[in-house]
Amino acid sequence: MSVRPIHLLGSPVLRTRAEDVDGIDDELRELIKDLTDTMYADDGLGLAANQIGVARQVAVVGSENEPPLILINPRIVESDGNEKEEEGCLSLPDLFAEVARPSKIVVETMDMDGNTVRIEADGIKARAIQHEMDHLNAVLFIDHLSPLKRHMLLKKWKKLRKGKEGYLKHLTPAAAER
């Protein structure tokens, strides 16, 4: 088990579009394991590779009821509906805002054998997938907000970060062993 530090708002990697994955190898499998361990250690619903400092098109979305969904080079090929729900982010702890997103999506992604697969999702799962895919494209949930709302959240962020240095949040591996 390897829990990695999470990059916070201000870290340049969060504003770097992730590169496509060319193939499945042991390094990628280790990255996916680290993403999963780190996501669970911080009680997240999802985590993108650039949130742990790796600009590759890989993310995981998890729930307590099923194994984590692995997204490699994901692309939304269909979407339907629209719903506005509150979102937060492991890279912007303690900040929340309502974000409008499609309520149903179909995603094409690569599986662990290198095959293209289609995943249908709705509700919170669809929202989490879209949130993590945004990260892979250097987009944060605050980018979906009005300028005024974004300004208010960034002002709150500055208050929360006052006196703190760096852009990493370190987690303990014990938190993932729940």
Protein backbone atom coordinates (compact mmCIF):
# COMPACT_ATOMS: atom_id res chain seq x y z
CA MET A 1 0.00 0.00 0.00
CA SER A 2 1.32 3.39 -0.95
CA VAL A 3 -0.48 6.55 0.01
CA ARG A 4 0.89 9.59 -1.80
CA PRO A 5 0.59 13.28 -0.95
CA ILE A 6 -2.30 15.09 -2.63
CA HIS A 7 -1.50 18.22 -4.60
CA LEU A 8 -3.54 21.25 -3.53
CA LEU A 9 -4.77 24.28 -5.44
CA GLY A 10 -1.69 26.24 -6.45
CA SER A 11 0.32 23.20 -7.49
CA PRO A 12 1.14 23.56 -11.22
CA VAL A 13 0.37 19.90 -11.99
CA LEU A 14 -3.33 20.56 -11.34
CA ARG A 15 -3.32 22.99 -14.26
CA THR A 16 -1.43 20.62 -16.58
CA ARG A 17 -3.42 18.52 -19.05
CA ALA A 18 -2.55 14.87 -18.45
CA GLU A 19 -0.88 12.85 -21.22
CA ASP A 20 -2.56 9.82 -22.75
CA VAL A 21 -1.52 6.36 -21.60
CA ASP A 22 0.09 4.29 -24.37
CA GLY A 23 -0.24 0.87 -22.79
CA ILE A 24 -0.74 -1.14 -19.63
CA ASP A 25 2.42 -1.97 -17.69
CA ASP A 26 3.54 -2.56 -14.09
CA GLU A 27 4.20 1.16 -13.57
CA LEU A 28 0.59 1.95 -14.52
CA ARG A 29 -0.75 -0.82 -12.27
CA GLU A 30 1.27 0.62 -9.37
CA LEU A 31 -0.06 4.12 -10.12
CA ILE A 32 -3.64 2.81 -10.06
CA LYS A 33 -3.01 1.05 -6.73
CA ASP A 34 -1.52 4.24 -5.28
CA LEU A 35 -4.46 6.30 -6.57
CA THR A 36 -6.92 3.90 -4.96
CA ASP A 37 -5.05 3.77 -1.63
CA THR A 38 -4.73 7.55 -1.53
CA MET A 39 -8.39 8.12 -2.44
CA TYR A 40 -9.56 5.86 0.39
CA ALA A 41 -7.02 7.32 2.84
CA ASP A 42 -8.62 10.75 2.32
CA ASP A 43 -12.23 9.47 2.19
CA GLY A 44 -12.64 10.54 -1.42
CA LEU A 45 -15.06 9.42 -4.12
CA GLY A 46 -12.44 9.75 -6.83
CA LEU A 47 -8.89 10.78 -7.56
CA ALA A 48 -7.05 11.73 -10.75
CA ALA A 49 -3.38 11.00 -11.34
CA ASN A 50 -2.40 14.65 -11.54
CA GLN A 51 -3.78 15.11 -8.02
CA ILE A 52 -0.87 12.96 -6.85
CA GLY A 53 1.60 14.68 -9.14
CA VAL A 54 1.47 12.39 -12.20
CA ALA A 55 0.17 14.02 -15.39
CA ARG A 56 -1.24 10.87 -17.03
CA GLN A 57 -4.80 10.15 -18.18
CA VAL A 58 -5.65 7.87 -15.26
CA ALA A 59 -8.25 8.24 -12.52
CA VAL A 60 -10.20 6.09 -10.09
CA VAL A 61 -13.75 6.47 -8.81
CA GLY A 62 -14.76 4.42 -5.79
CA SER A 63 -17.64 3.56 -3.56
CA GLU A 64 -17.96 1.32 -0.55
CA ASN A 65 -20.34 -1.02 -2.39
CA GLU A 66 -18.16 -2.03 -5.33
CA PRO A 67 -14.55 -2.17 -6.52
CA PRO A 68 -13.11 1.14 -7.73
CA LEU A 69 -13.80 2.10 -11.32
CA ILE A 70 -10.52 2.56 -13.20
CA LEU A 71 -10.46 5.21 -15.93
CA ILE A 72 -7.60 5.16 -18.46
CA ASN A 73 -7.76 7.69 -21.32
CA PRO A 74 -11.48 8.27 -20.59
CA ARG A 75 -13.73 10.10 -23.07
CA ILE A 76 -17.40 10.99 -22.64
CA VAL A 77 -19.21 9.78 -25.76
CA GLU A 78 -22.80 10.44 -24.66
CA SER A 79 -24.45 12.64 -22.05
CA ASP A 80 -28.00 13.46 -21.07
CA GLY A 81 -29.86 15.53 -18.54
CA ASN A 82 -28.58 18.22 -16.25
CA GLU A 83 -28.47 18.46 -12.50
CA LYS A 84 -26.89 20.86 -10.08
CA GLU A 85 -25.36 19.31 -6.97
CA GLU A 86 -22.79 20.26 -4.39
CA GLU A 87 -19.20 19.21 -5.10
CA GLY A 88 -15.98 19.28 -3.17
CA CYS A 89 -12.47 18.19 -4.05
CA LEU A 90 -9.56 16.52 -2.28
CA SER A 91 -7.29 19.17 -3.82
CA LEU A 92 -9.42 21.99 -2.38
CA PRO A 93 -10.35 20.66 1.07
CA ASP A 94 -13.20 22.39 2.90
CA LEU A 95 -14.50 24.17 -0.21
CA PHE A 96 -17.87 23.23 -1.67
CA ALA A 97 -20.16 24.64 -4.35
CA GLU A 98 -23.05 23.59 -6.55
CA VAL A 99 -21.93 22.55 -10.02
CA ALA A 100 -24.19 21.76 -12.99
CA ARG A 101 -23.28 18.58 -14.89
CA PRO A 102 -25.02 16.04 -17.14
CA SER A 103 -26.91 13.53 -14.99
CA LYS A 104 -26.20 10.53 -17.25
CA ILE A 105 -23.06 9.76 -19.22
CA VAL A 106 -21.47 7.04 -21.30
CA VAL A 107 -17.68 6.90 -21.10
CA GLU A 108 -15.25 5.02 -23.30
CA THR A 109 -12.11 4.05 -21.40
CA MET A 110 -9.35 1.50 -21.53
CA ASP A 111 -9.53 -1.52 -19.22
CA MET A 112 -6.54 -3.20 -17.54
CA ASP A 113 -6.11 -5.46 -20.60
CA GLY A 114 -5.81 -2.48 -22.95
CA ASN A 115 -9.29 -2.97 -24.45
CA THR A 116 -11.73 -0.11 -25.01
CA VAL A 117 -14.84 -0.49 -22.85
CA ARG A 118 -18.00 1.59 -22.43
CA ILE A 119 -19.30 2.51 -19.00
CA GLU A 120 -22.77 3.93 -18.36
CA ALA A 121 -23.19 6.00 -15.23
CA ASP A 122 -25.75 8.25 -13.62
CA GLY A 123 -26.20 10.12 -10.35
CA ILE A 124 -23.21 10.53 -8.05
CA LYS A 125 -21.11 8.07 -10.06
CA ALA A 126 -21.58 10.13 -13.25
CA ARG A 127 -20.73 13.30 -11.32
CA ALA A 128 -17.57 11.78 -9.81
CA ILE A 129 -16.39 10.49 -13.20
CA GLN A 130 -16.88 13.91 -14.79
CA HIS A 131 -15.12 15.63 -11.89
CA GLU A 132 -12.08 13.36 -12.23
CA MET A 133 -12.05 13.68 -16.02
CA ASP A 134 -12.01 17.46 -15.57
CA HIS A 135 -8.86 17.07 -13.45
CA LEU A 136 -7.21 15.13 -16.26
CA ASN A 137 -7.91 18.10 -18.51
CA ALA A 138 -6.58 20.68 -16.01
CA VAL A 139 -10.07 21.85 -15.00
CA LEU A 140 -11.14 22.27 -11.36
CA PHE A 141 -14.74 22.35 -10.14
CA ILE A 142 -14.35 26.05 -9.32
CA ASP A 143 -13.84 26.69 -13.05
CA HIS A 144 -17.52 25.81 -13.58
CA LEU A 145 -18.68 28.59 -11.23
CA SER A 146 -19.64 32.17 -11.92
CA PRO A 147 -16.79 34.67 -11.51
CA LEU A 148 -18.35 35.99 -8.30
CA LYS A 149 -18.81 32.57 -6.70
CA ARG A 150 -15.30 31.50 -7.77
CA HIS A 151 -13.86 34.72 -6.29
CA MET A 152 -15.65 34.05 -2.98
CA LEU A 153 -14.32 30.50 -2.79
CA LEU A 154 -10.78 31.57 -3.67
CA LYS A 155 -10.95 34.20 -0.94
CA LYS A 156 -12.02 31.50 1.53
CA TRP A 157 -9.20 29.26 0.24
CA LYS A 158 -6.63 31.98 0.94
CA LYS A 159 -7.96 32.31 4.50
CA LEU A 160 -7.79 28.55 5.03
CA ARG A 161 -4.22 28.43 3.69
CA LYS A 162 -2.96 31.47 5.62
CA GLY A 163 0.33 30.62 7.30
CA LYS A 164 0.62 27.26 5.50
CA GLU A 165 3.43 26.58 3.07
CA GLY A 166 3.55 24.39 0.01
CA TYR A 167 0.88 22.71 -2.06
CA LEU A 168 0.90 19.16 -0.69
CA LYS A 169 -1.41 17.43 1.78
CA HIS A 170 0.30 14.45 3.41
CA LEU A 171 -1.87 11.52 4.51
CA THR A 172 -1.16 8.58 6.74
CA PRO A 173 -1.36 5.06 5.29
CA ALA A 174 -3.32 3.95 8.37
CA ALA A 175 -6.27 6.00 7.17
CA ALA A 176 -6.62 3.74 4.11
CA GLU A 177 -6.75 0.56 6.21
CA ARG A 178 -10.32 1.02 7.34
